[in-house]
């Protein structure tokens, strides 16, 4: 960091945000571990958590850099929140930063799901889990609401951007439009709209008017990304290395246990899931459940719901429910291994083939996204995409709120429109009360995330114990 840059910040005036030194790798390591442990609430909660920690609290990355990274992750297959962690980790500390951030985002949840899957396979009872994590959902709901409001205020600077956010929300909420299509259309609108009215599409979420960023803050927070060769050879090298890492465990297990064992089947099935999971986990979980029950006979009817309950109440991406499926698949077809040994290998293999592609997408594409930051036309497209992403996050927040406050949520059909519709008689008064406590704690008393999580967790566990 040059002295001139520091001096410009020092003289920028009292209104300029406080300067923060770039984090050391050790400091970032601790923060990524914390994010991994607290990443409850599905993608909405996880994106909100990273925004609060990395943008608001630590000030390690600027608002527009965070949202541009999120825009890219939204169009990729796989869990967008984990890919966002990889992207920002790469921005901060290069290859090792991306690997650590992405791994720590998944590792706590994987360990918890693995333990719970073992207990489930042995005892078939996870009722205590709901009591333990019941109150956490209320706190996460408050954090999600805060994130939607905060990002919306900064990204939606004019009526055009508000309209794009509203259209994106309606498209996904009412018509179940896929994420990639929404993002693509928003980008096209921004790209060509900027040719007619550039003032409406530049800088909508990037700081000041007219497309100019806050130079005092962004000059520091938007440090140059890791130096990367953008040639064809580099791209081929990334594809080759990640591809070999992807298939290496499959080849080893096939050689050791035979190609007729359960492991190649698990690897092939979940590898396919890793490249078609556009639009988040819920886009494919129904298909996974059907295949696991009816085709492969890995699960019994109803057991997928038990796995979803685990994944929804533990840290990490919801797609970690696949760890539970992979564990039970191998546990019930262990071959020459013990059931628990086979289950451990099955769960680990499932996790590997599910998440290794996420690193491939980021390490391959992120350098190109960063190179395009200075292009005005593409900047306008990204601004429009940012607005659309606000609508997508609002949809995730409403979905999460419905499933937190109501025990049963169905679908209401109005012509071509299918809306998630709660069964009003299933309103959980305790969940609603806890959500109210969390909202008051966050918005009125400005209580931090960890104290709010601890407060609602204790109150929720006590309430469930008394009922």
Protein backbone atom coordinates (compact mmCIF):
# COMPACT_ATOMS: atom_id res chain seq x y z
CA UNK A 1 0.00 0.00 0.00
CA UNK A 2 1.69 3.23 -1.13
CA UNK A 3 2.18 6.31 1.05
CA UNK A 4 0.26 8.50 -1.41
CA UNK A 5 -2.79 6.26 -1.12
CA UNK A 6 -2.61 6.35 2.67
CA UNK A 7 -2.21 10.13 2.62
CA UNK A 8 -5.23 10.56 0.35
CA UNK A 9 -7.35 8.60 2.79
CA UNK A 10 -6.01 10.50 5.77
CA UNK A 11 -7.01 13.81 4.18
CA UNK A 12 -10.32 12.67 2.69
CA UNK A 13 -12.37 14.20 5.45
CA UNK A 14 -14.33 12.99 8.43
CA UNK A 15 -16.97 11.33 6.26
CA UNK A 16 -14.52 8.87 4.70
CA UNK A 17 -14.73 5.30 6.04
CA UNK A 18 -12.02 4.20 8.40
CA UNK A 19 -9.00 2.69 6.70
CA UNK A 20 -8.28 -0.98 7.26
CA UNK A 21 -5.02 -2.68 6.39
CA UNK A 22 -5.34 -5.69 4.06
CA UNK A 23 -5.67 -8.82 6.19
CA UNK A 24 -2.83 -11.20 6.80
CA UNK A 25 -3.38 -14.78 5.72
CA UNK A 26 -3.53 -15.83 9.38
CA UNK A 27 -6.21 -13.25 10.14
CA UNK A 28 -8.22 -14.30 7.10
CA UNK A 29 -7.90 -17.94 8.11
CA UNK A 30 -9.59 -17.23 11.44
CA UNK A 31 -12.39 -15.26 9.78
CA UNK A 32 -13.08 -17.95 7.16
CA UNK A 33 -13.27 -20.53 9.96
CA UNK A 34 -15.75 -18.31 11.80
CA UNK A 35 -17.86 -17.86 8.67
CA UNK A 36 -17.87 -21.62 8.10
CA UNK A 37 -19.09 -22.26 11.65
CA UNK A 38 -21.83 -19.60 11.45
CA UNK A 39 -23.08 -20.18 7.89
CA UNK A 40 -26.65 -21.11 8.78
CA UNK A 41 -29.76 -20.22 6.85
CA UNK A 42 -29.13 -21.39 3.31
CA UNK A 43 -27.71 -19.12 0.59
CA UNK A 44 -29.56 -16.00 1.76
CA UNK A 45 -28.20 -16.28 5.28
CA UNK A 46 -24.71 -17.20 4.09
CA UNK A 47 -24.48 -14.33 1.61
CA UNK A 48 -25.79 -11.98 4.32
CA UNK A 49 -23.18 -13.28 6.76
CA UNK A 50 -20.28 -12.79 4.34
CA UNK A 51 -21.52 -9.33 3.39
CA UNK A 52 -21.70 -8.26 7.02
CA UNK A 53 -18.32 -9.69 7.98
CA UNK A 54 -16.26 -8.97 4.87
CA UNK A 55 -17.82 -5.71 3.64
CA UNK A 56 -19.36 -4.08 6.72
CA UNK A 57 -17.20 -5.21 9.64
CA UNK A 58 -13.77 -6.07 8.28
CA UNK A 59 -13.91 -3.80 5.19
CA UNK A 60 -11.71 -6.22 3.29
CA UNK A 61 -13.64 -5.88 0.04
CA UNK A 62 -15.80 -3.07 -1.29
CA UNK A 63 -19.52 -3.28 -1.92
CA UNK A 64 -19.27 -3.29 -5.69
CA UNK A 65 -16.46 -5.86 -5.73
CA UNK A 66 -18.52 -8.14 -3.46
CA UNK A 67 -21.61 -7.79 -5.64
CA UNK A 68 -19.70 -8.32 -8.89
CA UNK A 69 -18.28 -11.53 -7.46
CA UNK A 70 -21.77 -12.59 -6.37
CA UNK A 71 -23.14 -11.83 -9.85
CA UNK A 72 -20.66 -14.26 -11.38
CA UNK A 73 -21.30 -16.96 -8.78
CA UNK A 74 -25.04 -16.72 -9.35
CA UNK A 75 -24.71 -17.99 -12.92
CA UNK A 76 -22.58 -21.01 -12.01
CA UNK A 77 -23.76 -24.52 -11.16
CA UNK A 78 -23.35 -25.45 -7.53
CA UNK A 79 -23.68 -23.57 -4.21
CA UNK A 80 -23.27 -19.88 -4.97
CA UNK A 81 -22.40 -18.94 -1.38
CA UNK A 82 -19.44 -21.31 -1.24
CA UNK A 83 -18.26 -20.14 -4.64
CA UNK A 84 -18.48 -16.55 -3.41
CA UNK A 85 -16.24 -17.49 -0.48
CA UNK A 86 -13.72 -19.06 -2.89
CA UNK A 87 -13.80 -15.97 -5.10
CA UNK A 88 -13.19 -13.49 -2.27
CA UNK A 89 -10.56 -15.75 -0.71
CA UNK A 90 -8.80 -15.76 -4.09
CA UNK A 91 -9.06 -11.96 -4.32
CA UNK A 92 -7.45 -11.56 -0.90
CA UNK A 93 -4.71 -14.18 -1.01
CA UNK A 94 -4.63 -15.85 -4.39
CA UNK A 95 -4.83 -19.58 -4.91
CA UNK A 96 -4.21 -20.55 -1.27
CA UNK A 97 -6.80 -18.00 -0.14
CA UNK A 98 -9.47 -19.46 -2.41
CA UNK A 99 -8.69 -23.03 -1.37
CA UNK A 100 -8.81 -22.20 2.35
CA UNK A 101 -11.96 -20.07 2.10
CA UNK A 102 -13.87 -22.66 0.07
CA UNK A 103 -12.74 -25.57 2.23
CA UNK A 104 -13.50 -23.92 5.57
CA UNK A 105 -16.92 -22.87 4.30
CA UNK A 106 -17.84 -26.52 3.82
CA UNK A 107 -15.75 -28.38 6.41
CA UNK A 108 -17.75 -27.62 9.61
CA UNK A 109 -21.04 -28.57 7.97
CA UNK A 110 -19.53 -31.72 6.48
CA UNK A 111 -18.27 -32.85 9.89
CA UNK A 112 -21.64 -32.17 11.54
CA UNK A 113 -23.61 -33.92 8.78
CA UNK A 114 -21.22 -36.89 8.92
CA UNK A 115 -21.74 -37.32 12.67
CA UNK A 116 -25.50 -36.90 12.34
CA UNK A 117 -25.66 -39.35 9.43
CA UNK A 118 -23.80 -41.91 11.53
CA UNK A 119 -26.20 -41.45 14.43
CA UNK A 120 -29.15 -41.61 12.05
CA UNK A 121 -27.93 -44.81 10.41
CA UNK A 122 -27.44 -46.43 13.80
CA UNK A 123 -30.41 -45.06 15.74
CA UNK A 124 -32.81 -43.50 13.17
CA UNK A 125 -33.57 -40.58 15.49
CA UNK A 126 -32.66 -36.93 14.98
CA UNK A 127 -35.55 -35.27 16.84
CA UNK A 128 -33.14 -33.67 19.31
CA UNK A 129 -31.44 -31.84 16.45
CA UNK A 130 -34.46 -29.67 15.78
CA UNK A 131 -34.57 -28.55 19.41
CA UNK A 132 -30.87 -27.73 19.40
CA UNK A 133 -30.97 -25.54 16.30
CA UNK A 134 -34.56 -24.29 16.45
CA UNK A 135 -33.69 -20.83 17.72
CA UNK A 136 -30.87 -20.28 15.24
CA UNK A 137 -33.29 -19.92 12.35
CA UNK A 138 -34.90 -16.90 14.00
CA UNK A 139 -31.57 -15.10 14.30
CA UNK A 140 -30.62 -15.96 10.71
CA UNK A 141 -33.96 -14.59 9.50
CA UNK A 142 -33.18 -11.22 11.10
CA UNK A 143 -29.73 -11.18 9.52
CA UNK A 144 -31.20 -12.02 6.10
CA UNK A 145 -33.74 -9.19 6.35
CA UNK A 146 -30.99 -6.77 7.33
CA UNK A 147 -28.87 -7.89 4.36
CA UNK A 148 -31.70 -7.43 1.85
CA UNK A 149 -32.32 -3.89 3.12
CA UNK A 150 -28.64 -2.98 3.25
CA UNK A 151 -27.73 -4.31 -0.20
CA UNK A 152 -30.94 -2.95 -1.69
CA UNK A 153 -30.26 0.58 -0.43
CA UNK A 154 -26.83 0.57 -2.03
CA UNK A 155 -27.60 -1.21 -5.29
CA UNK A 156 -30.98 0.26 -6.24
CA UNK A 157 -30.08 3.89 -6.94
CA UNK A 158 -32.87 4.71 -9.41
CA UNK A 159 -36.26 3.53 -10.63
CA UNK A 160 -34.78 1.46 -13.45
CA UNK A 161 -32.71 -0.57 -11.00
CA UNK A 162 -35.68 -0.91 -8.65
CA UNK A 163 -37.73 -2.14 -11.60
CA UNK A 164 -35.09 -4.71 -12.53
CA UNK A 165 -34.99 -5.99 -8.95
CA UNK A 166 -38.79 -6.20 -8.86
CA UNK A 167 -38.94 -8.00 -12.21
CA UNK A 168 -36.28 -10.49 -11.10
CA UNK A 169 -38.16 -11.14 -7.87
CA UNK A 170 -41.47 -11.75 -9.68
CA UNK A 171 -39.79 -13.98 -12.27
CA UNK A 172 -38.26 -16.30 -9.71
CA UNK A 173 -40.92 -16.08 -6.99
CA UNK A 174 -44.02 -16.39 -9.16
CA UNK A 175 -42.77 -18.16 -12.29
CA UNK A 176 -39.83 -20.16 -10.91
CA UNK A 177 -37.53 -18.76 -13.61
CA UNK A 178 -33.96 -20.14 -13.39
CA UNK A 179 -31.20 -17.98 -11.94
CA UNK A 180 -29.00 -18.05 -15.05
CA UNK A 181 -31.82 -16.82 -17.29
CA UNK A 182 -32.61 -13.92 -14.93
CA UNK A 183 -28.95 -12.94 -14.72
CA UNK A 184 -28.49 -13.20 -18.50
CA UNK A 185 -31.51 -11.04 -19.29
CA UNK A 186 -30.51 -8.43 -16.71
CA UNK A 187 -27.01 -8.29 -18.17
CA UNK A 188 -28.34 -7.82 -21.71
CA UNK A 189 -30.67 -5.03 -20.53
CA UNK A 190 -27.81 -3.27 -18.76
CA UNK A 191 -25.37 -3.68 -21.65
CA UNK A 192 -27.68 -2.23 -24.29
CA UNK A 193 -29.54 0.13 -21.96
CA UNK A 194 -26.30 1.92 -21.15
CA UNK A 195 -25.97 2.86 -24.82
CA UNK A 196 -29.22 4.83 -24.58
CA UNK A 197 -29.12 6.13 -20.98
CA UNK A 198 -25.70 5.42 -19.46
CA UNK A 199 -26.56 7.51 -16.39
CA UNK A 200 -29.20 4.94 -15.39
CA UNK A 201 -26.98 1.88 -15.66
CA UNK A 202 -23.54 2.96 -14.46
CA UNK A 203 -22.64 2.91 -10.81
CA UNK A 204 -26.04 1.75 -9.56
CA UNK A 205 -24.39 -0.15 -6.83
CA UNK A 206 -20.89 1.10 -7.15
CA UNK A 207 -20.67 4.18 -5.10
CA UNK A 208 -21.22 7.68 -6.32
CA UNK A 209 -23.23 9.17 -9.16
CA UNK A 210 -22.30 8.86 -12.77
CA UNK A 211 -20.60 5.55 -12.44
CA UNK A 212 -17.64 6.87 -10.45
CA UNK A 213 -16.62 4.86 -7.44
CA UNK A 214 -15.79 6.27 -4.02
CA UNK A 215 -12.12 6.77 -4.87
CA UNK A 216 -10.87 7.08 -1.28
CA UNK A 217 -12.39 3.82 -0.13
CA UNK A 218 -12.33 1.76 -3.30
CA UNK A 219 -8.72 2.63 -4.10
CA UNK A 220 -7.83 0.72 -0.96
CA UNK A 221 -10.44 -2.00 -0.87
CA UNK A 222 -10.21 -2.75 -4.59
CA UNK A 223 -6.60 -3.80 -4.56
CA UNK A 224 -5.40 -5.51 -7.72
CA UNK A 225 -6.43 -9.16 -7.95
CA UNK A 226 -3.72 -11.79 -7.94
CA UNK A 227 -1.50 -11.49 -11.00
CA UNK A 228 -2.84 -14.08 -13.43
CA UNK A 229 -1.94 -15.04 -16.96
CA UNK A 230 -5.16 -15.06 -18.99
CA UNK A 231 -3.79 -17.10 -21.86
CA UNK A 232 -5.21 -20.33 -23.23
CA UNK A 233 -2.41 -22.40 -21.68
CA UNK A 234 -3.31 -21.21 -18.19
CA UNK A 235 -6.98 -22.10 -18.73
CA UNK A 236 -6.06 -25.56 -20.00
CA UNK A 237 -3.74 -26.05 -17.03
CA UNK A 238 -6.48 -25.12 -14.54
CA UNK A 239 -8.93 -27.46 -16.25
CA UNK A 240 -6.39 -30.29 -16.34
CA UNK A 241 -5.34 -29.97 -12.69
CA UNK A 242 -8.87 -29.60 -11.31
CA UNK A 243 -10.09 -32.37 -13.61
CA UNK A 244 -7.39 -34.76 -12.37
CA UNK A 245 -8.19 -33.89 -8.76
CA UNK A 246 -11.87 -34.47 -9.50
CA UNK A 247 -11.43 -37.99 -10.89
CA UNK A 248 -8.40 -39.19 -8.89
CA UNK A 249 -10.36 -40.59 -5.88
CA UNK A 250 -12.76 -42.34 -8.26
CA UNK A 251 -9.90 -44.12 -10.03
CA UNK A 252 -8.26 -45.10 -6.74
CA UNK A 253 -11.46 -46.46 -5.17
CA UNK A 254 -12.39 -48.27 -8.38
CA UNK A 255 -9.01 -49.99 -8.44
CA UNK A 256 -9.11 -50.94 -4.75
CA UNK A 257 -12.74 -52.03 -4.34
CA UNK A 258 -13.69 -52.85 -7.92
CA UNK A 259 -15.71 -51.02 -10.52
CA UNK A 260 -18.84 -52.91 -9.48
CA UNK A 261 -18.67 -51.51 -5.95
CA UNK A 262 -20.94 -48.69 -4.76
CA UNK A 263 -18.24 -46.02 -4.98
CA UNK A 264 -18.02 -45.51 -8.78
CA UNK A 265 -21.82 -45.30 -8.88
CA UNK A 266 -21.84 -42.67 -6.13
CA UNK A 267 -19.10 -40.69 -7.84
CA UNK A 268 -20.78 -40.73 -11.25
CA UNK A 269 -24.18 -39.72 -9.87
CA UNK A 270 -23.00 -36.84 -7.69
CA UNK A 271 -20.50 -35.60 -10.28
CA UNK A 272 -23.45 -35.17 -12.62
CA UNK A 273 -25.31 -33.28 -9.90
CA UNK A 274 -22.32 -30.95 -9.47
CA UNK A 275 -22.55 -29.66 -13.04
CA UNK A 276 -26.34 -29.33 -13.37
CA UNK A 277 -27.26 -27.67 -10.05
CA UNK A 278 -28.12 -24.30 -11.56
CA UNK A 279 -30.40 -22.21 -9.38
CA UNK A 280 -29.34 -23.62 -6.04
CA UNK A 281 -29.83 -26.86 -4.22
CA UNK A 282 -33.63 -26.90 -4.33
CA UNK A 283 -33.52 -27.01 -8.13
CA UNK A 284 -32.24 -30.59 -8.04
CA UNK A 285 -33.01 -32.03 -4.62
CA UNK A 286 -36.36 -33.41 -5.76
CA UNK A 287 -34.56 -35.23 -8.56
CA UNK A 288 -31.89 -36.51 -6.16
CA UNK A 289 -34.57 -37.76 -3.79
CA UNK A 290 -36.40 -39.56 -6.58
CA UNK A 291 -33.24 -41.20 -7.93
CA UNK A 292 -31.94 -42.16 -4.47
CA UNK A 293 -35.25 -43.78 -3.48
CA UNK A 294 -36.75 -45.19 -6.67
CA UNK A 295 -33.78 -45.88 -8.94
CA UNK A 296 -30.80 -46.66 -6.71
CA UNK A 297 -32.75 -47.68 -3.58
CA UNK A 298 -30.22 -45.93 -1.34
CA UNK A 299 -32.91 -44.30 0.81
CA UNK A 300 -36.34 -45.31 2.02
CA UNK A 301 -39.37 -43.08 1.33
CA UNK A 302 -39.34 -40.11 3.69
CA UNK A 303 -35.67 -40.37 4.60
CA UNK A 304 -34.71 -37.53 2.28
CA UNK A 305 -36.79 -35.19 4.44
CA UNK A 306 -34.80 -36.26 7.48
CA UNK A 307 -31.62 -35.39 5.61
CA UNK A 308 -32.99 -32.00 4.61
CA UNK A 309 -33.80 -31.31 8.26
CA UNK A 310 -30.15 -31.99 9.10
CA UNK A 311 -28.81 -29.79 6.31
CA UNK A 312 -31.19 -26.90 7.03
CA UNK A 313 -30.27 -26.74 10.71
CA UNK A 314 -26.50 -27.12 10.42
CA UNK A 315 -23.84 -24.78 8.97
CA UNK A 316 -22.81 -24.92 5.35
CA UNK A 317 -24.60 -25.09 2.00
CA UNK A 318 -27.88 -26.98 1.85
CA UNK A 319 -26.35 -29.18 -0.86
CA UNK A 320 -24.47 -30.88 1.99
CA UNK A 321 -27.57 -33.04 2.28
CA UNK A 322 -25.85 -35.07 -0.45
CA UNK A 323 -23.27 -36.10 2.16
CA UNK A 324 -26.09 -37.79 4.07
CA UNK A 325 -27.30 -39.52 0.89
CA UNK A 326 -23.80 -40.70 -0.01
CA UNK A 327 -23.22 -41.97 3.53
CA UNK A 328 -26.41 -44.04 3.62
CA UNK A 329 -25.83 -45.36 0.08
CA UNK A 330 -22.44 -46.81 1.04
CA UNK A 331 -23.53 -47.78 4.57
CA UNK A 332 -26.24 -50.02 3.11
CA UNK A 333 -24.02 -51.51 0.41
CA UNK A 334 -20.60 -51.74 2.08
CA UNK A 335 -19.15 -54.61 0.07
CA UNK A 336 -16.02 -55.90 1.81
CA UNK A 337 -15.92 -52.96 4.23
CA UNK A 338 -17.74 -52.46 7.50
CA UNK A 339 -20.92 -50.37 7.11
CA UNK A 340 -19.46 -47.41 9.03
CA UNK A 341 -16.20 -47.53 7.08
CA UNK A 342 -18.03 -47.64 3.79
CA UNK A 343 -20.33 -44.83 4.92
CA UNK A 344 -17.36 -42.62 5.79
CA UNK A 345 -15.79 -43.20 2.38
CA UNK A 346 -19.12 -42.68 0.61
CA UNK A 347 -19.76 -39.37 2.40
CA UNK A 348 -16.23 -38.11 1.75
CA UNK A 349 -16.34 -39.12 -1.92
CA UNK A 350 -19.71 -37.41 -2.36
CA UNK A 351 -18.36 -34.20 -0.83
CA UNK A 352 -15.25 -34.31 -3.00
CA UNK A 353 -16.98 -34.73 -6.36
CA UNK A 354 -19.65 -32.17 -5.40
CA UNK A 355 -17.36 -29.33 -4.35
CA UNK A 356 -14.13 -29.73 -6.35
CA UNK A 357 -15.90 -28.36 -9.47
CA UNK A 358 -16.68 -25.17 -7.54
CA UNK A 359 -12.97 -24.43 -7.29
CA UNK A 360 -12.62 -25.10 -11.00
CA UNK A 361 -15.33 -22.58 -11.97
CA UNK A 362 -13.79 -19.82 -9.81
CA UNK A 363 -10.10 -20.34 -10.55
CA UNK A 364 -10.92 -20.60 -14.24
CA UNK A 365 -13.34 -17.69 -14.58
CA UNK A 366 -12.64 -15.18 -11.80
CA UNK A 367 -9.50 -13.68 -13.41
CA UNK A 368 -11.50 -12.88 -16.55
CA UNK A 369 -14.30 -11.30 -14.50
CA UNK A 370 -11.74 -9.11 -12.73
CA UNK A 371 -10.16 -8.08 -16.03
CA UNK A 372 -13.57 -6.87 -17.24
CA UNK A 373 -14.11 -4.57 -14.24
CA UNK A 374 -12.95 -1.45 -16.12
CA UNK A 375 -15.11 -1.95 -19.22
CA UNK A 376 -17.96 0.60 -19.07
CA UNK A 377 -20.46 -1.42 -21.11
CA UNK A 378 -19.81 -4.56 -19.12
CA UNK A 379 -19.88 -2.49 -15.93
CA UNK A 380 -23.39 -1.39 -16.85
CA UNK A 381 -24.34 -5.02 -17.44
CA UNK A 382 -22.97 -5.94 -14.02
CA UNK A 383 -24.88 -3.06 -12.42
CA UNK A 384 -28.11 -4.39 -13.92
CA UNK A 385 -27.24 -7.90 -12.77
CA UNK A 386 -26.58 -6.56 -9.26
CA UNK A 387 -30.08 -5.09 -9.19
CA UNK A 388 -31.56 -8.40 -10.35
CA UNK A 389 -29.58 -10.26 -7.68
CA UNK A 390 -31.23 -8.09 -5.01
CA UNK A 391 -34.57 -9.49 -6.21
CA UNK A 392 -33.16 -13.01 -6.09
CA UNK A 393 -31.90 -12.51 -2.53
CA UNK A 394 -35.32 -11.14 -1.56
CA UNK A 395 -36.88 -14.34 -2.93
CA UNK A 396 -34.49 -16.44 -0.85
CA UNK A 397 -35.30 -14.36 2.21
CA UNK A 398 -39.06 -14.83 1.78
CA UNK A 399 -38.62 -18.55 1.19
CA UNK A 400 -36.54 -18.82 4.33
CA UNK A 401 -39.05 -16.74 6.34
CA UNK A 402 -41.97 -18.93 5.27
CA UNK A 403 -40.18 -22.13 6.24
CA UNK A 404 -39.04 -20.63 9.53
CA UNK A 405 -42.39 -19.27 10.69
CA UNK A 406 -44.71 -21.97 9.34
CA UNK A 407 -44.61 -25.72 9.90
CA UNK A 408 -46.22 -26.39 6.53
CA UNK A 409 -45.81 -24.50 3.25
CA UNK A 410 -47.64 -25.54 0.11
CA UNK A 411 -48.19 -24.05 -3.35
CA UNK A 412 -51.02 -21.84 -4.54
CA UNK A 413 -51.73 -21.82 -8.29
CA UNK A 414 -53.24 -18.78 -10.01
CA UNK A 415 -53.32 -19.57 -13.72
CA UNK A 416 -49.69 -19.78 -14.90
CA UNK A 417 -48.41 -18.53 -11.54
CA UNK A 418 -47.32 -20.90 -8.76
CA UNK A 419 -46.70 -19.22 -5.42
CA UNK A 420 -45.35 -20.71 -2.20
CA UNK A 421 -48.29 -20.46 0.17
CA UNK A 422 -48.15 -21.15 3.89
CA UNK A 423 -50.76 -23.18 5.71
CA UNK A 424 -51.80 -20.35 8.01
CA UNK A 425 -52.97 -22.67 10.76
CA UNK A 426 -49.43 -24.08 10.91
CA UNK A 427 -47.91 -20.79 12.10
CA UNK A 428 -45.40 -21.57 14.83
CA UNK A 429 -45.98 -18.95 17.55
CA UNK A 430 -42.70 -19.76 19.29
CA UNK A 431 -40.74 -19.34 16.04
CA UNK A 432 -42.55 -16.06 15.35
CA UNK A 433 -41.77 -14.80 18.87
CA UNK A 434 -38.10 -15.75 18.52
CA UNK A 435 -37.93 -14.04 15.13
CA UNK A 436 -39.38 -10.92 16.74
CA UNK A 437 -36.75 -11.06 19.49
CA UNK A 438 -33.98 -11.45 16.89
CA UNK A 439 -35.28 -8.57 14.74
CA UNK A 440 -35.47 -6.27 17.77
CA UNK A 441 -31.98 -7.33 18.85
CA UNK A 442 -30.50 -6.65 15.40
CA UNK A 443 -32.39 -3.51 14.35
CA UNK A 444 -33.17 -1.80 17.67
CA UNK A 445 -30.24 -2.72 19.89
CA UNK A 446 -27.68 -3.33 17.09
CA UNK A 447 -26.68 -6.61 18.71
CA UNK A 448 -23.97 -8.49 16.84
CA UNK A 449 -24.51 -11.74 14.99
CA UNK A 450 -22.89 -14.07 17.51
CA UNK A 451 -24.75 -12.63 20.56
CA UNK A 452 -28.03 -12.76 18.60
CA UNK A 453 -27.41 -16.37 17.54
CA UNK A 454 -26.53 -17.33 21.10
CA UNK A 455 -29.60 -15.57 22.53
CA UNK A 456 -32.13 -17.15 20.17
CA UNK A 457 -30.43 -20.57 20.35
CA UNK A 458 -30.77 -20.64 24.15
CA UNK A 459 -34.35 -19.34 24.07
CA UNK A 460 -35.30 -21.78 21.30
CA UNK A 461 -33.83 -24.81 23.02
CA UNK A 462 -35.54 -23.84 26.29
CA UNK A 463 -38.87 -23.38 24.54
CA UNK A 464 -38.65 -26.73 22.74
CA UNK A 465 -37.67 -28.47 25.97
CA UNK A 466 -40.73 -27.07 27.74
CA UNK A 467 -43.23 -27.93 24.99
